[in-house]
Amino acid sequence: MVSCGGEATDEEPVSGTEGTASAATDDEQGTLTNPGETGEQVDGETIDGKACSELAISGTLRVGENDLSLDGASVGLSAGHTGECIASLEMNVETADGCALSLNASSLSEGGWTLTGASLESCTADEVTVEFQSADSTFGLLARPDVDGDGTCLDGEALALAGRLLFASAVSEVAVQLDGIVLGGGFDSQAAEGLACSPVVDSCETVSCGQDAFGMECGGCDDGTKCIDGECQVWNCPPEGPYGTAIGDTVLNLEFKDCDGNTHSLQDLCGAPAGLFNLLAGY
């Protein structure tokens, strides 16, 4: 298990026990109850009689503009479940080069997840102190295993994460992308009361290009258009100067009145699939 500071510890934390960062309350994460004699998961041992392999993590952790490989990373995970669904997670990851990320998350009664805490250390080149911005961060699951009884073992690449965690310092912001990170192997899950079973993330549901709220890439745009607010649009509307009559110049935003006295500007047609502008003069 890796602590929030990236130092290895000998004990696997269990959600809901005193002293852990994700200890639940009735108002926040619900109440986690000890399911009984499930046994701690140890490499090669069992949870509820099932053989569990070593918990492993794979994928790429994107911190700002840098992609950090998770090959050789150490990971610790404890969870709470309601019914047959995972409803809370506490995860700590340390990459081979010392970048340490921890997060605590729980599901909401109305669906979705909330991040109750996160930290980031030794992951940026400038080594500035950053603080977690929970209101601007997102988290969810792209895929999840079924929970069997009071404990569970993940199948290979069964738990896939989605989310965009935002950290801020006095001079900059650092976004951490979780998408594409998968976990497989074994972990212990305790029964969690007062939590909901949230659906998996539906990626790119509200945007057609760029990144969605979870930081997932949703495609690009054709030539002549640019991704603006999640939609492909003509990128230079309204056009910028220089204005004039020479070749390459931009026409001024002329305004005209129609036969009913309504005012229309030339730039009102900018970005339209087609436009017809008819200028007449009578003498």
C-alpha atoms as a PDB file:
ATOM      1  CA  MET A   1       0.000   0.000   0.000  1.00  0.00           C
ATOM      2  CA  VAL A   2       1.251   3.489  -0.806  1.00  0.00           C
ATOM      3  CA  SER A   3       0.353   6.334   1.504  1.00  0.00           C
ATOM      4  CA  CYS A   4      -0.705   9.803   0.367  1.00  0.00           C
ATOM      5  CA  GLY A   5       2.885  10.930   0.685  1.00  0.00           C
ATOM      6  CA  GLY A   6       4.125   8.121  -1.516  1.00  0.00           C
ATOM      7  CA  GLU A   7       5.798   6.147   1.298  1.00  0.00           C
ATOM      8  CA  ALA A   8       5.223   2.433   1.416  1.00  0.00           C
ATOM      9  CA  THR A   9       3.326   1.026   4.388  1.00  0.00           C
ATOM     10  CA  ASP A  10       2.935  -2.537   5.562  1.00  0.00           C
ATOM     11  CA  GLU A  11      -0.791  -2.514   6.220  1.00  0.00           C
ATOM     12  CA  GLU A  12      -3.618  -2.368   3.717  1.00  0.00           C
ATOM     13  CA  PRO A  13      -6.104   0.352   4.738  1.00  0.00           C
ATOM     14  CA  VAL A  14      -9.732  -0.654   5.058  1.00  0.00           C
ATOM     15  CA  SER A  15     -12.453   1.875   4.272  1.00  0.00           C
ATOM     16  CA  GLY A  16     -14.402   2.874   7.340  1.00  0.00           C
ATOM     17  CA  THR A  17     -11.728   2.100   9.907  1.00  0.00           C
ATOM     18  CA  GLU A  18     -10.404   4.805  12.183  1.00  0.00           C
ATOM     19  CA  GLY A  19      -7.408   6.700  10.882  1.00  0.00           C
ATOM     20  CA  THR A  20      -7.975   6.276   7.147  1.00  0.00           C
ATOM     21  CA  ALA A  21      -8.497   9.232   4.856  1.00  0.00           C
ATOM     22  CA  SER A  22     -11.781   7.834   3.581  1.00  0.00           C
ATOM     23  CA  ALA A  23     -13.443   7.033   6.891  1.00  0.00           C
ATOM     24  CA  ALA A  24     -17.139   7.466   6.143  1.00  0.00           C
ATOM     25  CA  THR A  25     -19.691   9.535   7.985  1.00  0.00           C
ATOM     26  CA  ASP A  26     -23.489   9.325   7.788  1.00  0.00           C
ATOM     27  CA  ASP A  27     -23.580  12.731   6.095  1.00  0.00           C
ATOM     28  CA  GLU A  28     -20.796  12.166   3.568  1.00  0.00           C
ATOM     29  CA  GLN A  29     -20.058   8.639   2.365  1.00  0.00           C
ATOM     30  CA  GLY A  30     -22.606   6.587   4.278  1.00  0.00           C
ATOM     31  CA  THR A  31     -21.697   4.007   6.927  1.00  0.00           C
ATOM     32  CA  LEU A  32     -19.252   1.221   6.187  1.00  0.00           C
ATOM     33  CA  THR A  33     -19.828  -1.910   8.218  1.00  0.00           C
ATOM     34  CA  ASN A  34     -17.337  -4.689   8.817  1.00  0.00           C
ATOM     35  CA  PRO A  35     -18.610  -7.744   6.923  1.00  0.00           C
ATOM     36  CA  GLY A  36     -16.915 -10.209   9.237  1.00  0.00           C
ATOM     37  CA  GLU A  37     -14.182 -12.713   8.596  1.00  0.00           C
ATOM     38  CA  THR A  38     -13.336 -12.002   4.963  1.00  0.00           C
ATOM     39  CA  GLY A  39      -9.585 -12.049   5.617  1.00  0.00           C
ATOM     40  CA  GLU A  40      -7.064  -9.534   4.351  1.00  0.00           C
ATOM     41  CA  GLN A  41      -6.036  -9.950   0.737  1.00  0.00           C
ATOM     42  CA  VAL A  42      -2.436 -11.060   0.483  1.00  0.00           C
ATOM     43  CA  ASP A  43      -0.653 -12.000  -2.735  1.00  0.00           C
ATOM     44  CA  GLY A  44      -1.687 -15.537  -3.608  1.00  0.00           C
ATOM     45  CA  GLU A  45      -4.215 -15.856  -0.748  1.00  0.00           C
ATOM     46  CA  THR A  46      -7.982 -15.660  -0.900  1.00  0.00           C
ATOM     47  CA  ILE A  47     -10.987 -13.458  -0.190  1.00  0.00           C
ATOM     48  CA  ASP A  48     -14.057 -15.494   0.776  1.00  0.00           C
ATOM     49  CA  GLY A  49     -12.423 -18.617  -0.562  1.00  0.00           C
ATOM     50  CA  LYS A  50     -11.558 -17.123  -3.977  1.00  0.00           C
ATOM     51  CA  ALA A  51      -7.986 -17.063  -5.200  1.00  0.00           C
ATOM     52  CA  CYS A  52      -6.792 -13.492  -5.692  1.00  0.00           C
ATOM     53  CA  SER A  53      -3.845 -12.462  -7.792  1.00  0.00           C
ATOM     54  CA  GLU A  54      -1.697  -9.458  -6.932  1.00  0.00           C
ATOM     55  CA  LEU A  55      -3.457  -6.139  -7.464  1.00  0.00           C
ATOM     56  CA  ALA A  56      -1.940  -4.495 -10.541  1.00  0.00           C
ATOM     57  CA  ILE A  57      -2.444  -1.202 -12.359  1.00  0.00           C
ATOM     58  CA  SER A  58      -1.868  -0.375 -16.010  1.00  0.00           C
ATOM     59  CA  GLY A  59      -2.308   2.555 -18.355  1.00  0.00           C
ATOM     60  CA  THR A  60      -0.978   6.090 -18.485  1.00  0.00           C
ATOM     61  CA  LEU A  61      -1.441   8.837 -15.928  1.00  0.00           C
ATOM     62  CA  ARG A  62      -1.555  12.225 -17.652  1.00  0.00           C
ATOM     63  CA  VAL A  63      -0.370  15.056 -15.390  1.00  0.00           C
ATOM     64  CA  GLY A  64      -0.658  18.384 -17.159  1.00  0.00           C
ATOM     65  CA  GLU A  65       0.981  17.852 -20.548  1.00  0.00           C
ATOM     66  CA  ASN A  66       3.094  14.886 -19.392  1.00  0.00           C
ATOM     67  CA  ASP A  67       2.189  11.221 -19.777  1.00  0.00           C
ATOM     68  CA  LEU A  68       3.482   9.088 -16.891  1.00  0.00           C
ATOM     69  CA  SER A  69       3.660   5.336 -17.462  1.00  0.00           C
ATOM     70  CA  LEU A  70       2.157   3.132 -14.758  1.00  0.00           C
ATOM     71  CA  ASP A  71       4.464   0.215 -15.572  1.00  0.00           C
ATOM     72  CA  GLY A  72       6.054  -0.853 -12.311  1.00  0.00           C
ATOM     73  CA  ALA A  73       3.809   1.414 -10.236  1.00  0.00           C
ATOM     74  CA  SER A  74       2.652   0.302  -6.796  1.00  0.00           C
ATOM     75  CA  VAL A  75      -1.035   0.576  -5.964  1.00  0.00           C
ATOM     76  CA  GLY A  76      -3.249   0.189  -2.905  1.00  0.00           C
ATOM     77  CA  LEU A  77      -7.035  -0.071  -3.096  1.00  0.00           C
ATOM     78  CA  SER A  78      -9.839  -0.534  -0.597  1.00  0.00           C
ATOM     79  CA  ALA A  79     -13.523  -0.294  -1.391  1.00  0.00           C
ATOM     80  CA  GLY A  80     -17.054  -0.338  -0.063  1.00  0.00           C
ATOM     81  CA  HIS A  81     -19.988  -1.945  -1.845  1.00  0.00           C
ATOM     82  CA  THR A  82     -23.754  -1.764  -1.764  1.00  0.00           C
ATOM     83  CA  GLY A  83     -25.684  -4.685  -3.217  1.00  0.00           C
ATOM     84  CA  GLU A  84     -23.533  -5.933  -6.073  1.00  0.00           C
ATOM     85  CA  CYS A  85     -21.889  -2.616  -6.950  1.00  0.00           C
ATOM     86  CA  ILE A  86     -18.748  -0.839  -5.797  1.00  0.00           C
ATOM     87  CA  ALA A  87     -19.888   2.364  -4.078  1.00  0.00           C
ATOM     88  CA  SER A  88     -16.706   3.836  -2.576  1.00  0.00           C
ATOM     89  CA  LEU A  89     -13.004   3.727  -3.326  1.00  0.00           C
ATOM     90  CA  GLU A  90      -9.781   4.712  -1.661  1.00  0.00           C
ATOM     91  CA  MET A  91      -6.806   4.420  -4.007  1.00  0.00           C
ATOM     92  CA  ASN A  92      -3.135   5.293  -3.663  1.00  0.00           C
ATOM     93  CA  VAL A  93      -0.697   5.037  -6.560  1.00  0.00           C
ATOM     94  CA  GLU A  94       3.031   5.692  -6.770  1.00  0.00           C
ATOM     95  CA  THR A  95       4.795   5.520 -10.140  1.00  0.00           C
ATOM     96  CA  ALA A  96       8.295   4.133 -10.566  1.00  0.00           C
ATOM     97  CA  ASP A  97       9.717   7.669 -10.641  1.00  0.00           C
ATOM     98  CA  GLY A  98       8.025   8.740  -7.392  1.00  0.00           C
ATOM     99  CA  CYS A  99       4.862  10.530  -8.538  1.00  0.00           C
ATOM    100  CA  ALA A 100       2.226   9.863  -5.856  1.00  0.00           C
ATOM    101  CA  LEU A 101      -1.524  10.244  -6.347  1.00  0.00           C
ATOM    102  CA  SER A 102      -4.235   9.421  -3.827  1.00  0.00           C
ATOM    103  CA  LEU A 103      -7.998   9.826  -4.067  1.00  0.00           C
ATOM    104  CA  ASN A 104     -11.121   9.048  -2.068  1.00  0.00           C
ATOM    105  CA  ALA A 105     -14.485   8.813  -3.848  1.00  0.00           C
ATOM    106  CA  SER A 106     -18.012   7.698  -3.036  1.00  0.00           C
ATOM    107  CA  SER A 107     -21.191   7.311  -5.060  1.00  0.00           C
ATOM    108  CA  LEU A 108     -24.182   9.637  -4.744  1.00  0.00           C
ATOM    109  CA  SER A 109     -27.801   8.706  -4.106  1.00  0.00           C
ATOM    110  CA  GLU A 110     -28.862  10.565  -7.267  1.00  0.00           C
ATOM    111  CA  GLY A 111     -26.219   8.802  -9.353  1.00  0.00           C
ATOM    112  CA  GLY A 112     -22.644   9.681 -10.185  1.00  0.00           C
ATOM    113  CA  TRP A 113     -19.673  10.019  -7.849  1.00  0.00           C
ATOM    114  CA  THR A 114     -18.188  12.665  -5.600  1.00  0.00           C
ATOM    115  CA  LEU A 115     -14.527  13.096  -4.763  1.00  0.00           C
ATOM    116  CA  THR A 116     -14.091  13.560  -1.023  1.00  0.00           C
ATOM    117  CA  GLY A 117     -10.352  14.110  -1.194  1.00  0.00           C
ATOM    118  CA  ALA A 118      -7.228  13.788  -3.329  1.00  0.00           C
ATOM    119  CA  SER A 119      -3.538  14.666  -3.186  1.00  0.00           C
ATOM    120  CA  LEU A 120      -0.670  14.895  -5.673  1.00  0.00           C
ATOM    121  CA  GLU A 121       3.038  14.880  -4.848  1.00  0.00           C
ATOM    122  CA  SER A 122       6.284  14.813  -6.855  1.00  0.00           C
ATOM    123  CA  CYS A 123       4.392  14.727 -10.155  1.00  0.00           C
ATOM    124  CA  THR A 124       5.300  18.127 -11.620  1.00  0.00           C
ATOM    125  CA  ALA A 125       8.647  19.429 -12.798  1.00  0.00           C
ATOM    126  CA  ASP A 126       8.542  22.599 -10.701  1.00  0.00           C
ATOM    127  CA  GLU A 127       7.653  20.729  -7.470  1.00  0.00           C
ATOM    128  CA  VAL A 128       5.169  23.422  -6.415  1.00  0.00           C
ATOM    129  CA  THR A 129       2.651  22.724  -3.675  1.00  0.00           C
ATOM    130  CA  VAL A 130      -0.783  22.108  -5.159  1.00  0.00           C
ATOM    131  CA  GLU A 131      -4.199  21.931  -3.524  1.00  0.00           C
ATOM    132  CA  PHE A 132      -7.070  19.744  -4.700  1.00  0.00           C
ATOM    133  CA  GLN A 133     -10.006  21.568  -6.343  1.00  0.00           C
ATOM    134  CA  SER A 134     -12.921  19.218  -5.665  1.00  0.00           C
ATOM    135  CA  ALA A 135     -15.643  21.435  -7.139  1.00  0.00           C
ATOM    136  CA  ASP A 136     -13.917  21.471 -10.541  1.00  0.00           C
ATOM    137  CA  SER A 137     -13.004  17.762 -10.594  1.00  0.00           C
ATOM    138  CA  THR A 138     -14.881  14.724 -11.869  1.00  0.00           C
ATOM    139  CA  PHE A 139     -14.691  10.985 -11.216  1.00  0.00           C
ATOM    140  CA  GLY A 140     -16.479   7.841 -12.359  1.00  0.00           C
ATOM    141  CA  LEU A 141     -16.015   4.262 -13.522  1.00  0.00           C
ATOM    142  CA  LEU A 142     -15.793   3.201 -17.155  1.00  0.00           C
ATOM    143  CA  ALA A 143     -16.087  -0.448 -16.130  1.00  0.00           C
ATOM    144  CA  ARG A 144     -16.477  -2.296 -12.845  1.00  0.00           C
ATOM    145  CA  PRO A 145     -16.524  -5.885 -11.607  1.00  0.00           C
ATOM    146  CA  ASP A 146     -19.449  -7.510  -9.852  1.00  0.00           C
ATOM    147  CA  VAL A 147     -19.060  -7.729  -6.088  1.00  0.00           C
ATOM    148  CA  ASP A 148     -19.509 -11.255  -4.757  1.00  0.00           C
ATOM    149  CA  GLY A 149     -20.481 -11.536  -1.097  1.00  0.00           C
ATOM    150  CA  ASP A 150     -18.503  -9.541   1.459  1.00  0.00           C
ATOM    151  CA  GLY A 151     -15.264  -9.393  -0.522  1.00  0.00           C
ATOM    152  CA  THR A 152     -14.197  -9.586  -4.116  1.00  0.00           C
ATOM    153  CA  CYS A 153     -11.358 -10.267  -6.515  1.00  0.00           C
ATOM    154  CA  LEU A 154     -11.160  -8.312  -9.739  1.00  0.00           C
ATOM    155  CA  ASP A 155     -10.786 -10.071 -13.033  1.00  0.00           C
ATOM    156  CA  GLY A 156      -8.040  -8.863 -15.343  1.00  0.00           C
ATOM    157  CA  GLU A 157      -8.585  -5.202 -16.239  1.00  0.00           C
ATOM    158  CA  ALA A 158     -12.038  -5.259 -14.626  1.00  0.00           C
ATOM    159  CA  LEU A 159     -12.023  -1.846 -12.933  1.00  0.00           C
ATOM    160  CA  ALA A 160     -11.501   1.086 -15.293  1.00  0.00           C
ATOM    161  CA  LEU A 161     -11.395   4.690 -14.058  1.00  0.00           C
ATOM    162  CA  ALA A 162     -12.584   7.929 -15.594  1.00  0.00           C
ATOM    163  CA  GLY A 163     -12.096  11.450 -14.358  1.00  0.00           C
ATOM    164  CA  ARG A 164     -10.292  14.739 -14.413  1.00  0.00           C
ATOM    165  CA  LEU A 165      -8.738  15.884 -11.135  1.00  0.00           C
ATOM    166  CA  LEU A 166      -7.807  19.546 -10.905  1.00  0.00           C
ATOM    167  CA  PHE A 167      -5.062  20.786  -8.581  1.00  0.00           C
ATOM    168  CA  ALA A 168      -4.036  24.429  -8.220  1.00  0.00           C
ATOM    169  CA  SER A 169      -1.048  26.318  -6.895  1.00  0.00           C
ATOM    170  CA  ALA A 170      -0.613  30.045  -6.395  1.00  0.00           C
ATOM    171  CA  VAL A 171       0.608  30.453  -9.985  1.00  0.00           C
ATOM    172  CA  SER A 172      -0.782  27.586 -12.065  1.00  0.00           C
ATOM    173  CA  GLU A 173      -3.255  24.720 -12.426  1.00  0.00           C
ATOM    174  CA  VAL A 174      -2.469  21.047 -12.934  1.00  0.00           C
ATOM    175  CA  ALA A 175      -5.046  18.677 -14.441  1.00  0.00           C
ATOM    176  CA  VAL A 176      -4.680  14.924 -13.879  1.00  0.00           C
ATOM    177  CA  GLN A 177      -6.467  12.617 -16.350  1.00  0.00           C
ATOM    178  CA  LEU A 178      -7.498   9.175 -15.057  1.00  0.00           C
ATOM    179  CA  ASP A 179      -9.005   7.816 -18.269  1.00  0.00           C
ATOM    180  CA  GLY A 180      -7.548   4.580 -19.538  1.00  0.00           C
ATOM    181  CA  ILE A 181      -6.276   3.467 -16.107  1.00  0.00           C
ATOM    182  CA  VAL A 182      -7.353  -0.092 -15.308  1.00  0.00           C
ATOM    183  CA  LEU A 183      -6.888  -2.302 -12.253  1.00  0.00           C
ATOM    184  CA  GLY A 184      -6.924  -6.068 -12.036  1.00  0.00           C
ATOM    185  CA  GLY A 185      -6.218  -8.597  -9.320  1.00  0.00           C
ATOM    186  CA  GLY A 186      -7.564  -8.761  -5.795  1.00  0.00           C
ATOM    187  CA  PHE A 187      -8.819  -6.283  -3.223  1.00  0.00           C
ATOM    188  CA  ASP A 188     -11.016  -6.296  -0.132  1.00  0.00           C
ATOM    189  CA  SER A 189     -14.476  -4.685  -0.194  1.00  0.00           C
ATOM    190  CA  GLN A 190     -16.667  -4.033   2.844  1.00  0.00           C
ATOM    191  CA  ALA A 191     -20.429  -3.539   2.935  1.00  0.00           C
ATOM    192  CA  ALA A 192     -21.382   0.154   2.722  1.00  0.00           C
ATOM    193  CA  GLU A 193     -24.733   1.396   3.972  1.00  0.00           C
ATOM    194  CA  GLY A 194     -26.270   4.641   2.739  1.00  0.00           C
ATOM    195  CA  LEU A 195     -24.482   4.643  -0.629  1.00  0.00           C
ATOM    196  CA  ALA A 196     -25.949   4.165  -4.093  1.00  0.00           C
ATOM    197  CA  CYS A 197     -25.097   2.021  -7.081  1.00  0.00           C
ATOM    198  CA  SER A 198     -24.045   4.551  -9.713  1.00  0.00           C
ATOM    199  CA  PRO A 199     -24.008   3.721 -13.431  1.00  0.00           C
ATOM    200  CA  VAL A 200     -20.757   3.604 -15.343  1.00  0.00           C
ATOM    201  CA  VAL A 201     -19.667   6.750 -17.171  1.00  0.00           C
ATOM    202  CA  ASP A 202     -21.201   7.372 -20.585  1.00  0.00           C
ATOM    203  CA  SER A 203     -18.263   9.025 -22.324  1.00  0.00           C
ATOM    204  CA  CYS A 204     -18.714  11.913 -24.779  1.00  0.00           C
ATOM    205  CA  GLU A 205     -22.419  12.145 -23.993  1.00  0.00           C
ATOM    206  CA  THR A 206     -22.661  15.930 -24.157  1.00  0.00           C
ATOM    207  CA  VAL A 207     -19.827  16.855 -26.549  1.00  0.00           C
ATOM    208  CA  SER A 208     -18.839  15.764 -30.055  1.00  0.00           C
ATOM    209  CA  CYS A 209     -15.205  16.877 -30.070  1.00  0.00           C
ATOM    210  CA  GLY A 210     -12.364  17.751 -27.707  1.00  0.00           C
ATOM    211  CA  GLN A 211     -12.629  16.520 -24.114  1.00  0.00           C
ATOM    212  CA  ASP A 212     -15.753  15.792 -22.117  1.00  0.00           C
ATOM    213  CA  ALA A 213     -16.203  16.576 -18.420  1.00  0.00           C
ATOM    214  CA  PHE A 214     -14.165  13.478 -17.506  1.00  0.00           C
ATOM    215  CA  GLY A 215     -11.250  14.494 -19.721  1.00  0.00           C
ATOM    216  CA  MET A 216     -11.987  11.797 -22.291  1.00  0.00           C
ATOM    217  CA  GLU A 217     -11.043  12.545 -25.896  1.00  0.00           C
ATOM    218  CA  CYS A 218     -14.140  12.745 -28.100  1.00  0.00           C
ATOM    219  CA  GLY A 219     -12.643  13.324 -31.549  1.00  0.00           C
ATOM    220  CA  GLY A 220     -11.505  16.198 -33.732  1.00  0.00           C
ATOM    221  CA  CYS A 221     -12.989  18.460 -36.393  1.00  0.00           C
ATOM    222  CA  ASP A 222     -12.758  18.753 -40.167  1.00  0.00           C
ATOM    223  CA  ASP A 223     -10.605  21.367 -41.858  1.00  0.00           C
ATOM    224  CA  GLY A 224     -12.085  24.841 -41.627  1.00  0.00           C
ATOM    225  CA  THR A 225     -13.719  24.219 -38.271  1.00  0.00           C
ATOM    226  CA  LYS A 226     -12.467  24.201 -34.693  1.00  0.00           C
ATOM    227  CA  CYS A 227     -13.709  22.527 -31.516  1.00  0.00           C
ATOM    228  CA  ILE A 228     -15.420  25.237 -29.459  1.00  0.00           C
ATOM    229  CA  ASP A 229     -17.360  24.288 -26.315  1.00  0.00           C
ATOM    230  CA  GLY A 230     -17.497  20.662 -27.430  1.00  0.00           C
ATOM    231  CA  GLU A 231     -18.860  21.362 -30.918  1.00  0.00           C
ATOM    232  CA  CYS A 232     -17.134  21.771 -34.292  1.00  0.00           C
ATOM    233  CA  GLN A 233     -17.631  25.364 -35.401  1.00  0.00           C
ATOM    234  CA  VAL A 234     -16.163  27.777 -37.909  1.00  0.00           C
ATOM    235  CA  TRP A 235     -13.177  28.985 -35.932  1.00  0.00           C
ATOM    236  CA  ASN A 236     -12.927  32.580 -37.163  1.00  0.00           C
ATOM    237  CA  CYS A 237     -16.443  33.836 -36.473  1.00  0.00           C
ATOM    238  CA  PRO A 238     -16.637  36.727 -36.248  1.00  0.00           C
ATOM    239  CA  PRO A 239     -13.542  37.430 -38.363  1.00  0.00           C
ATOM    240  CA  GLU A 240     -10.769  39.686 -37.129  1.00  0.00           C
ATOM    241  CA  GLY A 241      -9.107  42.498 -39.064  1.00  0.00           C
ATOM    242  CA  PRO A 242      -7.355  43.949 -40.938  1.00  0.00           C
ATOM    243  CA  TYR A 243     -10.421  45.311 -42.678  1.00  0.00           C
ATOM    244  CA  GLY A 244     -10.255  46.869 -46.114  1.00  0.00           C
ATOM    245  CA  THR A 245     -10.607  46.342 -49.842  1.00  0.00           C
ATOM    246  CA  ALA A 246      -7.256  44.669 -50.637  1.00  0.00           C
ATOM    247  CA  ILE A 247      -6.991  40.964 -51.425  1.00  0.00           C
ATOM    248  CA  GLY A 248      -6.895  39.031 -48.159  1.00  0.00           C
ATOM    249  CA  ASP A 249      -8.522  41.784 -46.139  1.00  0.00           C
ATOM    250  CA  THR A 250     -11.730  41.184 -44.208  1.00  0.00           C
ATOM    251  CA  VAL A 251     -14.963  42.937 -45.090  1.00  0.00           C
ATOM    252  CA  LEU A 252     -16.292  45.313 -42.464  1.00  0.00           C
ATOM    253  CA  ASN A 253     -19.336  44.197 -40.502  1.00  0.00           C
ATOM    254  CA  LEU A 254     -21.756  46.185 -42.623  1.00  0.00           C
ATOM    255  CA  GLU A 255     -25.326  46.566 -41.439  1.00  0.00           C
ATOM    256  CA  PHE A 256     -28.419  46.782 -43.640  1.00  0.00           C
ATOM    257  CA  LYS A 257     -32.165  46.979 -43.182  1.00  0.00           C
ATOM    258  CA  ASP A 258     -34.599  44.635 -44.864  1.00  0.00           C
ATOM    259  CA  CYS A 259     -37.944  45.640 -46.345  1.00  0.00           C
ATOM    260  CA  ASP A 260     -39.565  45.390 -42.929  1.00  0.00           C
ATOM    261  CA  GLY A 261     -37.062  47.731 -41.319  1.00  0.00           C
ATOM    262  CA  ASN A 262     -35.164  44.993 -39.418  1.00  0.00           C
ATOM    263  CA  THR A 263     -31.395  45.449 -39.093  1.00  0.00           C
ATOM    264  CA  HIS A 264     -29.055  42.647 -40.223  1.00  0.00           C
ATOM    265  CA  SER A 265     -25.275  42.572 -40.137  1.00  0.00           C
ATOM    266  CA  LEU A 266     -22.930  40.852 -42.556  1.00  0.00           C
ATOM    267  CA  GLN A 267     -21.336  38.883 -39.726  1.00  0.00           C
ATOM    268  CA  ASP A 268     -24.722  37.415 -38.793  1.00  0.00           C
ATOM    269  CA  LEU A 269     -24.098  35.027 -41.688  1.00  0.00           C
ATOM    270  CA  CYS A 270     -20.714  33.907 -40.353  1.00  0.00           C
ATOM    271  CA  GLY A 271     -20.620  30.168 -39.826  1.00  0.00           C
ATOM    272  CA  ALA A 272     -23.937  29.568 -41.570  1.00  0.00           C
ATOM    273  CA  PRO A 273     -24.050  26.522 -43.884  1.00  0.00           C
ATOM    274  CA  ALA A 274     -25.088  28.874 -46.700  1.00  0.00           C
ATOM    275  CA  GLY A 275     -25.938  32.506 -47.015  1.00  0.00           C
ATOM    276  CA  LEU A 276     -27.272  34.856 -49.656  1.00  0.00           C
ATOM    277  CA  PHE A 277     -26.579  38.563 -49.440  1.00  0.00           C
ATOM    278  CA  ASN A 278     -28.235  40.673 -52.128  1.00  0.00           C
ATOM    279  CA  LEU A 279     -27.332  44.378 -52.278  1.00  0.00           C
ATOM    280  CA  LEU A 280     -29.499  46.520 -54.547  1.00  0.00           C
ATOM    281  CA  ALA A 281     -29.476  50.188 -55.352  1.00  0.00           C
ATOM    282  CA  GLY A 282     -32.232  52.036 -57.213  1.00  0.00           C
ATOM    283  CA  TYR A 283     -31.925  55.379 -58.994  1.00  0.00           C
END
